[in-house]
Amino acid sequence: MKKLLLIIGGILLWKLSILAEPVVGQTYRFSFGDVDGNELSTADGRFNVIVLSSKANSDKARIVGDRIPDFCLGNANYRMITIVAFETKHSNPVRAVLRAAIRHRLDSEAQRLQKRYQEHQISREARHDVFAVADFDGVIAARLDLKPDVTAFRVFVFGRNGELLKQWSDVPSGDELASALKQD
C-alpha cells in the first residue's frame, strides 16, 4: 500500500511540475506596473518580449535587448519588458531604493539604445521604449505559471492578444527572436 501511495504521489508531483510551466499557444492576459509608473499589458495589441531575470542574470537581459531585431526599434507594435525578480522580501523603503536603481539602469540602457536609433535614423527618444518591472513578491512569475525560482532566466514572446508564441530558458539568437516576432 505504501509503495502504491508513493507511486501515485510521484505521478501527481510530476504532473504538477509539468503544469507549472508556461505553454506555447496559451493566452496570458495580465497587466502590471513598471518602475516608471506605466501600466503594461501582455494583451494590448503589441508584440511583447518579456525577459524574466534575477539581478545576477542582468547581463543576459542586456544581450536579449541587443538582439531585438531592427524592425522592432522605435515601432510601437513591439515592446521589450525586463522583469527583475528579487530573491528576498524587501521593506517598502528598500523597494523604493531598488526601483530608483532600476530606473538609473534603464537610463543607461536607453543611452545605448539611442545609438541604435541614431544609426537607423529613428528620431524617437529611446528612454520611452525601455521598460522594467520589479517583481518583489514573485507575483508576476506566478502569473506566468512559473515556480518561484528567481534565479532562473526566461525569455517569452507574446503575440498581440497575449498568446505565448515562443519561450527560451537562455538567451535566444537574434534570428530566433526575429522569427518569433514576425508571427501574426
Protein backbone atom coordinates (compact mmCIF):
# COMPACT_ATOMS: atom_id res chain seq x y z
CA MET A 1 0.00 0.00 0.00
CA LYS A 2 2.82 2.41 0.88
CA LYS A 3 4.51 1.63 -2.43
CA LEU A 4 1.29 2.41 -4.34
CA LEU A 5 0.87 5.70 -2.48
CA LEU A 6 4.47 6.65 -3.24
CA ILE A 7 3.93 5.93 -6.94
CA ILE A 8 0.68 7.92 -7.03
CA GLY A 9 2.33 10.78 -5.13
CA GLY A 10 5.26 10.77 -7.57
CA ILE A 11 2.90 10.90 -10.55
CA LEU A 12 0.97 13.81 -9.03
CA LEU A 13 4.17 15.75 -8.35
CA TRP A 14 5.36 15.07 -11.90
CA LYS A 15 2.05 16.33 -13.33
CA LEU A 16 2.17 19.44 -11.13
CA SER A 17 5.68 20.24 -12.33
CA ILE A 18 4.52 19.98 -15.95
CA LEU A 19 1.54 22.23 -15.25
CA ALA A 20 3.83 24.79 -13.66
CA GLU A 21 5.43 25.69 -16.99
CA PRO A 22 4.02 28.25 -19.44
CA VAL A 23 2.55 26.68 -22.56
CA VAL A 24 3.19 27.99 -26.07
CA GLY A 25 -0.18 28.75 -27.65
CA GLN A 26 -1.85 29.55 -24.32
CA THR A 27 -3.02 33.12 -23.73
CA TYR A 28 -1.62 35.01 -20.74
CA ARG A 29 -3.51 38.27 -20.36
CA PHE A 30 -2.32 40.29 -17.44
CA SER A 31 -1.28 43.82 -16.62
CA PHE A 32 1.39 45.19 -14.33
CA GLY A 33 3.04 48.49 -13.49
CA ASP A 34 6.64 49.25 -14.36
CA VAL A 35 9.14 51.22 -12.29
CA ASP A 36 8.24 54.42 -14.19
CA GLY A 37 4.53 54.11 -13.32
CA ASN A 38 3.41 52.87 -16.76
CA GLU A 39 0.65 50.26 -16.95
CA LEU A 40 1.75 47.47 -19.29
CA SER A 41 -0.24 44.53 -20.61
CA THR A 42 0.54 41.33 -22.46
CA ALA A 43 -2.67 41.73 -24.47
CA ASP A 44 -2.70 45.36 -25.61
CA GLY A 45 -2.27 44.76 -29.34
CA ARG A 46 1.54 44.70 -29.31
CA PHE A 47 4.15 42.00 -29.50
CA ASN A 48 5.91 41.79 -26.15
CA VAL A 49 9.31 40.31 -25.44
CA ILE A 50 9.36 39.71 -21.72
CA VAL A 51 12.62 38.83 -20.02
CA LEU A 52 12.30 37.42 -16.50
CA SER A 53 15.66 37.80 -14.82
CA SER A 54 17.25 37.95 -11.43
CA LYS A 55 19.79 40.65 -10.73
CA ALA A 56 22.50 38.03 -11.25
CA ASN A 57 21.35 37.50 -14.85
CA SER A 58 21.09 41.17 -15.83
CA ASP A 59 23.87 40.75 -18.42
CA LYS A 60 21.76 38.13 -20.19
CA ALA A 61 18.82 40.53 -20.26
CA ARG A 62 21.07 43.14 -21.87
CA ILE A 63 22.11 40.65 -24.56
CA VAL A 64 18.45 39.94 -25.36
CA GLY A 65 17.91 43.68 -25.74
CA ASP A 66 20.89 43.92 -28.08
CA ARG A 67 19.40 41.11 -30.19
CA ILE A 68 15.98 42.70 -30.64
CA PRO A 69 15.56 42.94 -34.44
CA ASP A 70 15.95 46.31 -36.13
CA PHE A 71 12.37 46.22 -37.44
CA CYS A 72 11.18 46.49 -33.82
CA LEU A 73 13.19 49.61 -32.99
CA GLY A 74 11.01 52.65 -32.42
CA ASN A 75 7.98 50.66 -33.61
CA ALA A 76 5.00 50.95 -31.25
CA ASN A 77 3.84 47.44 -32.25
CA TYR A 78 6.79 45.90 -30.37
CA ARG A 79 8.00 46.22 -26.81
CA MET A 80 10.60 44.58 -24.57
CA ILE A 81 9.95 44.44 -20.84
CA THR A 82 12.50 43.23 -18.31
CA ILE A 83 11.04 41.81 -15.13
CA VAL A 84 13.59 41.84 -12.33
CA ALA A 85 12.84 39.09 -9.82
CA PHE A 86 14.18 39.65 -6.33
CA GLU A 87 15.24 36.71 -4.18
CA THR A 88 14.27 38.11 -0.80
CA LYS A 89 11.41 40.11 0.65
CA HIS A 90 12.10 43.82 0.99
CA SER A 91 10.50 46.57 3.06
CA ASN A 92 8.80 49.47 1.28
CA PRO A 93 11.75 51.86 1.77
CA VAL A 94 14.15 49.29 0.33
CA ARG A 95 11.77 48.67 -2.58
CA ALA A 96 11.77 52.39 -3.35
CA VAL A 97 15.58 52.42 -3.44
CA LEU A 98 15.66 49.34 -5.67
CA ARG A 99 13.12 50.88 -8.07
CA ALA A 100 15.29 54.01 -8.27
CA ALA A 101 18.34 51.84 -9.03
CA ILE A 102 16.40 50.07 -11.79
CA ARG A 103 15.35 53.44 -13.27
CA HIS A 104 19.00 54.52 -13.24
CA ARG A 105 19.94 51.32 -15.09
CA LEU A 106 17.14 51.97 -17.60
CA ASP A 107 18.58 55.42 -18.24
CA SER A 108 21.93 53.82 -19.09
CA GLU A 109 20.31 51.22 -21.32
CA ALA A 110 18.33 53.95 -23.09
CA GLN A 111 21.58 55.76 -23.91
CA ARG A 112 22.89 52.56 -25.51
CA LEU A 113 19.62 52.09 -27.40
CA GLN A 114 19.65 55.72 -28.55
CA LYS A 115 22.84 54.96 -30.50
CA ARG A 116 21.00 52.20 -32.40
CA TYR A 117 18.13 54.61 -33.02
CA GLN A 118 20.56 57.17 -34.46
CA GLU A 119 22.12 54.52 -36.73
CA HIS A 120 18.64 53.82 -38.14
CA GLN A 121 17.57 57.49 -38.24
CA ILE A 122 14.85 56.96 -35.63
CA SER A 123 14.08 60.33 -34.06
CA ARG A 124 12.15 58.89 -31.11
CA GLU A 125 13.55 59.23 -27.57
CA ALA A 126 14.78 55.74 -26.65
CA ARG A 127 14.06 56.15 -22.92
CA HIS A 128 10.34 55.96 -23.73
CA ASP A 129 10.92 52.47 -25.17
CA VAL A 130 12.68 50.74 -22.28
CA PHE A 131 10.59 49.12 -19.57
CA ALA A 132 11.38 47.28 -16.36
CA VAL A 133 9.18 45.80 -13.66
CA ALA A 134 10.32 44.94 -10.14
CA ASP A 135 8.84 41.60 -9.05
CA PHE A 136 9.37 41.73 -5.29
CA ASP A 137 6.90 39.04 -4.29
CA GLY A 138 7.01 36.59 -7.19
CA VAL A 139 3.55 37.72 -8.31
CA ILE A 140 4.48 38.13 -11.97
CA ALA A 141 6.35 34.85 -12.10
CA ALA A 142 3.24 33.18 -10.68
CA ARG A 143 1.09 34.79 -13.40
CA LEU A 144 3.39 33.11 -15.91
CA ASP A 145 2.80 29.78 -14.13
CA LEU A 146 6.45 29.68 -13.10
CA LYS A 147 7.76 28.15 -9.94
CA PRO A 148 9.23 30.70 -7.52
CA ASP A 149 12.79 30.01 -8.72
CA VAL A 150 14.01 33.57 -9.08
CA THR A 151 17.49 32.51 -10.15
CA ALA A 152 16.09 31.21 -13.42
CA PHE A 153 16.33 33.22 -16.62
CA ARG A 154 13.45 33.13 -19.10
CA VAL A 155 12.55 34.93 -22.31
CA PHE A 156 8.96 34.98 -23.61
CA VAL A 157 7.45 36.35 -26.80
CA PHE A 158 3.76 37.19 -26.55
CA GLY A 159 1.55 37.97 -29.53
CA ARG A 160 -0.82 40.88 -29.84
CA ASN A 161 -3.56 39.24 -27.74
CA GLY A 162 -1.27 37.75 -25.08
CA GLU A 163 -0.73 34.38 -26.74
CA LEU A 164 2.63 32.88 -25.81
CA LEU A 165 4.39 32.43 -29.14
CA LYS A 166 7.82 31.28 -28.02
CA GLN A 167 9.92 30.88 -24.88
CA TRP A 168 13.52 30.16 -24.01
CA SER A 169 15.36 29.38 -20.79
CA ASP A 170 18.54 31.00 -22.14
CA VAL A 171 19.37 33.91 -24.44
CA PRO A 172 17.86 33.30 -27.90
CA SER A 173 19.72 34.23 -31.05
CA GLY A 174 18.74 37.33 -33.00
CA ASP A 175 17.32 35.10 -35.73
CA GLU A 176 15.19 33.19 -33.23
CA LEU A 177 13.79 36.43 -31.82
CA ALA A 178 13.12 37.83 -35.28
CA SER A 179 11.33 34.66 -36.34
CA ALA A 180 9.12 34.68 -33.24
CA LEU A 181 8.29 38.39 -33.65
CA LYS A 182 7.32 38.06 -37.31
CA GLN A 183 4.42 35.74 -36.44
CA ASP A 184 0.99 37.25 -36.76
